[in-house]
Amino acid sequence: MRHLYQCPLRWSDMDAFGHINNVVFLRYLEEARIDFMFRLAREAASGAFTGGSVVARHEIDYLKPLVHRHTPVTIETWVAKLGGASVTVAYEIKDEAAVYARAATVVVPYDLEQARPRRLTPEERTFLQQYADDRFGAPGGGTAPEGAPAV
């Protein structure tokens, strides 16, 4: 299963060349990830990710220029790999006509009080397992989709 997020494009997201700036793509991914891991996860499991998390790695492949328009893009988000103390979240930024970018983020649960990484809780793991992309195998044991970044 994949999480779908409708991301609006802002006029200020464009660069001097008239397309969405490469750095802005990371903001779009953040918006989708926050909606997935904080809003949706907390609705499903009230204690999920309340202790904090940090981004350990981003990887992104820009496939096609994205220009400003009034309709949002869809960001599909899913779990590509699930470890004991990390999760790799994969994404596609797309619309009905094209895929503009494929990306992956390694997120590490973090204990804010002790200022150190922590393991995923059972409720976090249960939530995340629902979003493992079954077309490409189980988390941690599958292969990435063709063209997706390898993490």
N, C-alpha and C. Protein backbone atom coordinates (compact mmCIF):
# COMPACT_ATOMS: atom_id res chain seq x y z
N MET A 1 0.85 -1.18 0.00
CA MET A 1 0.00 0.00 0.00
C MET A 1 0.90 1.25 0.00
N ARG A 2 0.44 2.27 -0.66
CA ARG A 2 1.18 3.53 -0.70
C ARG A 2 0.32 4.66 -0.14
N HIS A 3 0.99 5.61 0.49
CA HIS A 3 0.33 6.81 0.98
C HIS A 3 0.36 7.83 -0.15
N LEU A 4 -0.76 8.50 -0.40
CA LEU A 4 -0.83 9.52 -1.44
C LEU A 4 -1.00 10.89 -0.80
N TYR A 5 -0.17 11.82 -1.23
CA TYR A 5 -0.22 13.19 -0.71
C TYR A 5 -0.32 14.14 -1.89
N GLN A 6 -1.29 15.03 -1.85
CA GLN A 6 -1.47 16.04 -2.90
C GLN A 6 -0.71 17.29 -2.49
N CYS A 7 0.33 17.61 -3.23
CA CYS A 7 1.23 18.70 -2.87
C CYS A 7 1.04 19.89 -3.81
N PRO A 8 0.60 21.03 -3.28
CA PRO A 8 0.44 22.20 -4.14
C PRO A 8 1.80 22.78 -4.54
N LEU A 9 1.85 23.37 -5.71
CA LEU A 9 3.06 24.04 -6.19
C LEU A 9 2.88 25.54 -5.95
N ARG A 10 3.90 26.16 -5.40
CA ARG A 10 3.84 27.59 -5.11
C ARG A 10 4.65 28.36 -6.14
N TRP A 11 4.21 29.55 -6.48
CA TRP A 11 4.91 30.39 -7.44
C TRP A 11 6.37 30.58 -7.01
N SER A 12 6.59 30.74 -5.73
CA SER A 12 7.95 30.96 -5.21
C SER A 12 8.84 29.72 -5.30
N ASP A 13 8.28 28.57 -5.67
CA ASP A 13 9.06 27.34 -5.81
C ASP A 13 9.90 27.32 -7.08
N MET A 14 9.60 28.21 -8.01
CA MET A 14 10.33 28.23 -9.29
C MET A 14 11.68 28.91 -9.15
N ASP A 15 12.61 28.49 -9.99
CA ASP A 15 13.91 29.14 -10.04
C ASP A 15 13.99 30.04 -11.27
N ALA A 16 15.16 30.58 -11.54
CA ALA A 16 15.34 31.51 -12.65
C ALA A 16 15.09 30.87 -14.01
N PHE A 17 15.09 29.54 -14.08
CA PHE A 17 14.89 28.85 -15.35
C PHE A 17 13.43 28.48 -15.59
N GLY A 18 12.53 28.86 -14.66
CA GLY A 18 11.10 28.65 -14.85
C GLY A 18 10.59 27.28 -14.44
N HIS A 19 11.44 26.47 -13.79
CA HIS A 19 10.94 25.19 -13.30
C HIS A 19 11.14 25.12 -11.78
N ILE A 20 10.54 24.13 -11.17
CA ILE A 20 10.65 23.98 -9.72
C ILE A 20 12.10 23.69 -9.36
N ASN A 21 12.63 24.45 -8.42
CA ASN A 21 14.03 24.33 -8.01
C ASN A 21 14.29 22.97 -7.38
N ASN A 22 15.47 22.43 -7.61
CA ASN A 22 15.81 21.10 -7.10
C ASN A 22 15.70 21.00 -5.58
N VAL A 23 16.05 22.04 -4.85
CA VAL A 23 15.97 22.02 -3.39
C VAL A 23 14.52 21.93 -2.92
N VAL A 24 13.62 22.52 -3.67
CA VAL A 24 12.20 22.52 -3.31
C VAL A 24 11.65 21.10 -3.33
N PHE A 25 12.17 20.25 -4.20
CA PHE A 25 11.72 18.86 -4.23
C PHE A 25 11.89 18.21 -2.85
N LEU A 26 12.98 18.53 -2.16
CA LEU A 26 13.18 17.98 -0.82
C LEU A 26 12.13 18.49 0.16
N ARG A 27 11.70 19.73 -0.02
CA ARG A 27 10.60 20.25 0.82
C ARG A 27 9.31 19.50 0.53
N TYR A 28 9.05 19.21 -0.74
CA TYR A 28 7.86 18.45 -1.09
C TYR A 28 7.90 17.06 -0.43
N LEU A 29 9.06 16.42 -0.48
CA LEU A 29 9.20 15.11 0.15
C LEU A 29 8.97 15.21 1.66
N GLU A 30 9.48 16.27 2.26
CA GLU A 30 9.28 16.47 3.70
C GLU A 30 7.79 16.61 4.01
N GLU A 31 7.07 17.39 3.22
CA GLU A 31 5.63 17.56 3.46
C GLU A 31 4.92 16.21 3.41
N ALA A 32 5.23 15.40 2.42
CA ALA A 32 4.60 14.08 2.28
C ALA A 32 5.00 13.16 3.44
N ARG A 33 6.27 13.20 3.82
CA ARG A 33 6.77 12.35 4.91
C ARG A 33 6.14 12.74 6.25
N ILE A 34 6.00 14.04 6.49
CA ILE A 34 5.37 14.51 7.74
C ILE A 34 3.90 14.08 7.77
N ASP A 35 3.22 14.21 6.65
CA ASP A 35 1.82 13.78 6.59
C ASP A 35 1.72 12.28 6.85
N PHE A 36 2.64 11.51 6.30
CA PHE A 36 2.65 10.05 6.45
C PHE A 36 3.04 9.63 7.86
N MET A 37 4.19 10.10 8.34
CA MET A 37 4.75 9.59 9.60
C MET A 37 4.21 10.27 10.85
N PHE A 38 3.65 11.43 10.71
CA PHE A 38 3.15 12.11 11.89
C PHE A 38 1.63 12.17 11.91
N ARG A 39 1.01 12.72 10.90
CA ARG A 39 -0.45 12.78 10.92
C ARG A 39 -1.06 11.38 10.81
N LEU A 40 -0.73 10.66 9.75
CA LEU A 40 -1.35 9.36 9.50
C LEU A 40 -0.93 8.32 10.54
N ALA A 41 0.36 8.27 10.87
CA ALA A 41 0.84 7.28 11.84
C ALA A 41 0.23 7.53 13.21
N ARG A 42 0.13 8.78 13.60
CA ARG A 42 -0.44 9.08 14.91
C ARG A 42 -1.93 8.83 14.97
N GLU A 43 -2.62 8.97 13.84
CA GLU A 43 -4.04 8.61 13.81
C GLU A 43 -4.20 7.10 13.97
N ALA A 44 -3.28 6.34 13.39
CA ALA A 44 -3.36 4.87 13.45
C ALA A 44 -2.84 4.31 14.77
N ALA A 45 -1.79 4.91 15.30
CA ALA A 45 -1.16 4.45 16.55
C ALA A 45 -0.74 5.70 17.32
N SER A 46 -1.48 6.03 18.34
CA SER A 46 -1.35 7.33 19.00
C SER A 46 0.06 7.67 19.47
N GLY A 47 0.86 6.69 19.81
CA GLY A 47 2.21 6.98 20.30
C GLY A 47 3.29 6.95 19.24
N ALA A 48 2.92 6.71 17.99
CA ALA A 48 3.91 6.55 16.92
C ALA A 48 4.68 7.84 16.67
N PHE A 49 5.96 7.73 16.69
CA PHE A 49 6.91 8.81 16.36
C PHE A 49 6.77 10.05 17.23
N THR A 50 6.17 9.91 18.42
CA THR A 50 6.06 11.07 19.32
C THR A 50 7.39 11.41 19.96
N GLY A 51 8.30 10.45 20.02
CA GLY A 51 9.60 10.70 20.63
C GLY A 51 10.58 11.41 19.72
N GLY A 52 10.27 11.52 18.46
CA GLY A 52 11.14 12.21 17.51
C GLY A 52 11.75 11.27 16.49
N SER A 53 12.28 11.87 15.45
CA SER A 53 13.00 11.14 14.41
C SER A 53 13.91 12.13 13.69
N VAL A 54 14.94 11.60 13.07
CA VAL A 54 15.87 12.43 12.31
C VAL A 54 16.10 11.80 10.94
N VAL A 55 16.42 12.65 9.98
CA VAL A 55 16.76 12.17 8.64
C VAL A 55 18.25 11.87 8.62
N ALA A 56 18.58 10.64 8.23
CA ALA A 56 19.98 10.23 8.14
C ALA A 56 20.53 10.34 6.72
N ARG A 57 19.63 10.26 5.73
CA ARG A 57 20.08 10.28 4.34
C ARG A 57 18.92 10.61 3.41
N HIS A 58 19.22 11.38 2.37
CA HIS A 58 18.29 11.62 1.27
C HIS A 58 18.99 11.20 -0.02
N GLU A 59 18.21 10.64 -0.93
CA GLU A 59 18.71 10.36 -2.27
C GLU A 59 17.57 10.67 -3.23
N ILE A 60 17.89 11.38 -4.31
CA ILE A 60 16.84 11.79 -5.22
C ILE A 60 17.34 11.74 -6.66
N ASP A 61 16.50 11.21 -7.54
CA ASP A 61 16.76 11.21 -8.97
C ASP A 61 15.73 12.13 -9.62
N TYR A 62 16.21 13.18 -10.27
CA TYR A 62 15.35 14.11 -10.99
C TYR A 62 15.16 13.57 -12.40
N LEU A 63 13.91 13.27 -12.75
CA LEU A 63 13.65 12.60 -14.02
C LEU A 63 13.15 13.53 -15.11
N LYS A 64 12.44 14.59 -14.71
CA LYS A 64 11.84 15.48 -15.69
C LYS A 64 11.59 16.83 -15.01
N PRO A 65 11.82 17.95 -15.72
CA PRO A 65 11.53 19.25 -15.11
C PRO A 65 10.05 19.38 -14.75
N LEU A 66 9.79 19.99 -13.62
CA LEU A 66 8.43 20.25 -13.18
C LEU A 66 8.23 21.76 -13.19
N VAL A 67 7.21 22.22 -13.89
CA VAL A 67 6.95 23.65 -13.98
C VAL A 67 5.71 23.99 -13.15
N HIS A 68 5.64 25.25 -12.75
CA HIS A 68 4.52 25.68 -11.93
C HIS A 68 3.20 25.54 -12.68
N ARG A 69 2.19 25.08 -11.94
CA ARG A 69 0.83 25.05 -12.44
C ARG A 69 -0.08 25.07 -11.23
N HIS A 70 -1.36 25.24 -11.44
CA HIS A 70 -2.29 25.38 -10.31
C HIS A 70 -2.75 24.05 -9.73
N THR A 71 -2.55 22.95 -10.44
CA THR A 71 -2.94 21.65 -9.92
C THR A 71 -1.78 21.05 -9.14
N PRO A 72 -2.06 20.39 -8.03
CA PRO A 72 -0.98 19.80 -7.24
C PRO A 72 -0.38 18.57 -7.92
N VAL A 73 0.80 18.19 -7.47
CA VAL A 73 1.38 16.91 -7.87
C VAL A 73 1.04 15.88 -6.79
N THR A 74 1.06 14.63 -7.17
CA THR A 74 0.86 13.55 -6.22
C THR A 74 2.22 13.04 -5.78
N ILE A 75 2.38 12.86 -4.50
CA ILE A 75 3.59 12.23 -3.98
C ILE A 75 3.17 10.90 -3.37
N GLU A 76 3.61 9.83 -4.00
CA GLU A 76 3.36 8.49 -3.46
C GLU A 76 4.49 8.16 -2.50
N THR A 77 4.14 7.67 -1.34
CA THR A 77 5.12 7.36 -0.29
C THR A 77 4.89 5.93 0.16
N TRP A 78 5.98 5.19 0.33
CA TRP A 78 5.87 3.82 0.82
C TRP A 78 7.15 3.44 1.56
N VAL A 79 7.10 2.32 2.24
CA VAL A 79 8.26 1.81 2.98
C VAL A 79 9.02 0.87 2.06
N ALA A 80 10.27 1.23 1.79
CA ALA A 80 11.12 0.40 0.94
C ALA A 80 11.97 -0.57 1.75
N LYS A 81 12.30 -0.17 2.99
CA LYS A 81 13.13 -1.02 3.85
C LYS A 81 12.82 -0.69 5.30
N LEU A 82 12.66 -1.72 6.09
CA LEU A 82 12.36 -1.55 7.50
C LEU A 82 13.40 -2.27 8.32
N GLY A 83 14.17 -1.51 9.09
CA GLY A 83 15.21 -2.08 9.95
C GLY A 83 14.78 -2.02 11.40
N GLY A 84 15.67 -2.40 12.29
CA GLY A 84 15.37 -2.34 13.71
C GLY A 84 15.34 -0.92 14.25
N ALA A 85 16.19 -0.07 13.68
CA ALA A 85 16.30 1.30 14.18
C ALA A 85 16.31 2.31 13.04
N SER A 86 15.71 1.94 11.91
CA SER A 86 15.60 2.88 10.79
C SER A 86 14.52 2.39 9.82
N VAL A 87 14.05 3.33 9.01
CA VAL A 87 13.11 3.01 7.97
C VAL A 87 13.51 3.81 6.73
N THR A 88 13.48 3.15 5.58
CA THR A 88 13.72 3.85 4.33
C THR A 88 12.37 4.10 3.68
N VAL A 89 12.06 5.38 3.52
CA VAL A 89 10.81 5.81 2.91
C VAL A 89 11.13 6.16 1.45
N ALA A 90 10.40 5.57 0.54
CA ALA A 90 10.59 5.85 -0.89
C ALA A 90 9.44 6.70 -1.39
N TYR A 91 9.70 7.44 -2.48
CA TYR A 91 8.71 8.37 -3.01
C TYR A 91 8.76 8.41 -4.53
N GLU A 92 7.62 8.79 -5.11
CA GLU A 92 7.56 9.24 -6.49
C GLU A 92 6.76 10.53 -6.50
N ILE A 93 7.31 11.55 -7.15
CA ILE A 93 6.59 12.80 -7.38
C ILE A 93 6.07 12.71 -8.80
N LYS A 94 4.73 12.78 -8.96
CA LYS A 94 4.16 12.47 -10.27
C LYS A 94 2.82 13.14 -10.46
N ASP A 95 2.34 13.03 -11.67
CA ASP A 95 0.95 13.34 -12.00
C ASP A 95 0.51 12.30 -13.01
N GLU A 96 -0.64 12.51 -13.63
CA GLU A 96 -1.15 11.50 -14.57
C GLU A 96 -0.30 11.39 -15.83
N ALA A 97 0.54 12.39 -16.10
CA ALA A 97 1.33 12.39 -17.33
C ALA A 97 2.76 11.93 -17.17
N ALA A 98 3.35 12.10 -15.98
CA ALA A 98 4.79 11.84 -15.84
C ALA A 98 5.19 11.61 -14.39
N VAL A 99 6.35 10.97 -14.25
CA VAL A 99 7.04 10.89 -12.95
C VAL A 99 8.18 11.89 -13.03
N TYR A 100 8.20 12.85 -12.11
CA TYR A 100 9.19 13.93 -12.13
C TYR A 100 10.42 13.61 -11.30
N ALA A 101 10.24 12.81 -10.24
CA ALA A 101 11.38 12.46 -9.40
C ALA A 101 11.07 11.18 -8.64
N ARG A 102 12.12 10.42 -8.36
CA ARG A 102 12.06 9.26 -7.46
C ARG A 102 13.09 9.52 -6.38
N ALA A 103 12.73 9.18 -5.15
CA ALA A 103 13.62 9.51 -4.04
C ALA A 103 13.47 8.51 -2.91
N ALA A 104 14.41 8.59 -1.99
CA ALA A 104 14.36 7.77 -0.78
C ALA A 104 14.99 8.55 0.37
N THR A 105 14.44 8.35 1.55
CA THR A 105 14.94 8.99 2.76
C THR A 105 15.10 7.92 3.83
N VAL A 106 16.26 7.89 4.48
CA VAL A 106 16.44 7.02 5.63
C VAL A 106 16.11 7.85 6.87
N VAL A 107 15.12 7.37 7.62
CA VAL A 107 14.67 8.05 8.84
C VAL A 107 15.02 7.18 10.03
N VAL A 108 15.59 7.80 11.05
CA VAL A 108 16.00 7.11 12.27
C VAL A 108 15.16 7.63 13.44
N PRO A 109 14.45 6.75 14.14
CA PRO A 109 13.73 7.21 15.34
C PRO A 109 14.75 7.75 16.34
N TYR A 110 14.36 8.78 17.06
CA TYR A 110 15.32 9.48 17.91
C TYR A 110 14.70 9.79 19.26
N ASP A 111 15.46 9.52 20.31
CA ASP A 111 15.05 9.84 21.68
C ASP A 111 15.53 11.26 21.96
N LEU A 112 14.62 12.22 21.95
CA LEU A 112 15.00 13.62 22.13
C LEU A 112 15.55 13.90 23.52
N GLU A 113 15.01 13.25 24.52
CA GLU A 113 15.48 13.48 25.90
C GLU A 113 16.90 12.99 26.11
N GLN A 114 17.22 11.83 25.53
CA GLN A 114 18.57 11.27 25.70
C GLN A 114 19.51 11.65 24.56
N ALA A 115 18.99 12.34 23.57
CA ALA A 115 19.78 12.81 22.42
C ALA A 115 20.55 11.68 21.76
N ARG A 116 19.79 10.60 21.42
CA ARG A 116 20.41 9.47 20.73
C ARG A 116 19.37 8.69 19.95
N PRO A 117 19.82 7.96 18.93
CA PRO A 117 18.88 7.12 18.17
C PRO A 117 18.25 6.06 19.07
N ARG A 118 17.10 5.58 18.66
CA ARG A 118 16.40 4.52 19.38
C ARG A 118 15.84 3.52 18.37
N ARG A 119 15.37 2.40 18.87
CA ARG A 119 14.76 1.39 18.01
C ARG A 119 13.30 1.76 17.72
N LEU A 120 12.78 1.26 16.63
CA LEU A 120 11.36 1.43 16.32
C LEU A 120 10.53 0.72 17.38
N THR A 121 9.43 1.33 17.79
CA THR A 121 8.53 0.68 18.73
C THR A 121 7.67 -0.33 17.99
N PRO A 122 7.08 -1.28 18.70
CA PRO A 122 6.19 -2.25 18.04
C PRO A 122 5.03 -1.56 17.29
N GLU A 123 4.45 -0.51 17.85
CA GLU A 123 3.33 0.15 17.15
C GLU A 123 3.82 0.90 15.91
N GLU A 124 5.01 1.47 15.95
CA GLU A 124 5.58 2.12 14.76
C GLU A 124 5.82 1.08 13.66
N ARG A 125 6.41 -0.05 14.05
CA ARG A 125 6.69 -1.12 13.09
C ARG A 125 5.40 -1.66 12.46
N THR A 126 4.37 -1.85 13.27
CA THR A 126 3.08 -2.34 12.76
C THR A 126 2.51 -1.37 11.75
N PHE A 127 2.55 -0.07 12.07
CA PHE A 127 2.06 0.93 11.14
C PHE A 127 2.85 0.90 9.84
N LEU A 128 4.18 0.93 9.93
CA LEU A 128 5.04 1.00 8.74
C LEU A 128 4.90 -0.23 7.86
N GLN A 129 4.73 -1.41 8.46
CA GLN A 129 4.62 -2.64 7.67
C GLN A 129 3.42 -2.61 6.72
N GLN A 130 2.38 -1.86 7.07
CA GLN A 130 1.22 -1.74 6.19
C GLN A 130 1.56 -1.05 4.87
N TYR A 131 2.64 -0.25 4.88
CA TYR A 131 3.01 0.54 3.71
C TYR A 131 4.22 -0.02 2.98
N ALA A 132 4.57 -1.26 3.29
CA ALA A 132 5.61 -1.94 2.52
C ALA A 132 5.06 -2.15 1.12
N ASP A 133 5.83 -1.81 0.11
CA ASP A 133 5.35 -1.97 -1.26
C ASP A 133 5.50 -3.42 -1.65
N ASP A 134 4.38 -4.16 -1.67
CA ASP A 134 4.47 -5.59 -1.94
C ASP A 134 4.85 -5.93 -3.36
N ARG A 135 4.77 -4.97 -4.25
CA ARG A 135 5.19 -5.26 -5.63
C ARG A 135 6.69 -5.46 -5.72
N PHE A 136 7.43 -5.04 -4.72
CA PHE A 136 8.89 -5.12 -4.77
C PHE A 136 9.47 -5.87 -3.58
N GLY A 137 8.69 -6.73 -2.95
CA GLY A 137 9.19 -7.55 -1.87
C GLY A 137 8.95 -6.93 -0.51
N ALA A 138 9.28 -7.69 0.51
CA ALA A 138 9.09 -7.24 1.89
C ALA A 138 10.17 -6.23 2.26
N PRO A 139 9.89 -5.38 3.24
CA PRO A 139 10.89 -4.41 3.68
C PRO A 139 12.18 -5.11 4.10
N GLY A 140 13.28 -4.58 3.63
CA GLY A 140 14.57 -5.14 3.98
C GLY A 140 14.96 -6.35 3.17
N GLY A 141 14.01 -6.95 2.47
CA GLY A 141 14.34 -8.15 1.73
C GLY A 141 14.01 -8.04 0.25
N GLY A 142 13.40 -6.95 -0.14
CA GLY A 142 12.97 -6.81 -1.52
C GLY A 142 13.98 -6.04 -2.34
N THR A 143 13.59 -5.79 -3.56
CA THR A 143 14.43 -5.00 -4.43
C THR A 143 13.71 -3.71 -4.76
N ALA A 144 14.47 -2.69 -5.07
CA ALA A 144 13.88 -1.39 -5.38
C ALA A 144 13.24 -1.45 -6.75
N PRO A 145 12.20 -0.65 -6.97
CA PRO A 145 11.60 -0.60 -8.30
C PRO A 145 12.59 -0.09 -9.32
N GLU A 146 12.40 -0.49 -10.56
CA GLU A 146 13.28 -0.05 -11.63
C GLU A 146 13.34 1.47 -11.65
N GLY A 147 14.55 2.00 -11.66
CA GLY A 147 14.74 3.44 -11.71
C GLY A 147 14.73 4.10 -10.34
N ALA A 148 14.38 3.38 -9.28
CA ALA A 148 14.36 3.98 -7.95
C ALA A 148 15.78 4.02 -7.39
N PRO A 149 16.06 5.01 -6.56
CA PRO A 149 17.39 5.05 -5.95
C PRO A 149 17.61 3.83 -5.09
N ALA A 150 18.80 3.30 -5.11
CA ALA A 150 19.17 2.19 -4.23
C ALA A 150 19.71 2.79 -2.94
N VAL A 151 19.16 2.39 -1.82
CA VAL A 151 19.63 2.91 -0.54
C VAL A 151 20.06 1.79 0.36
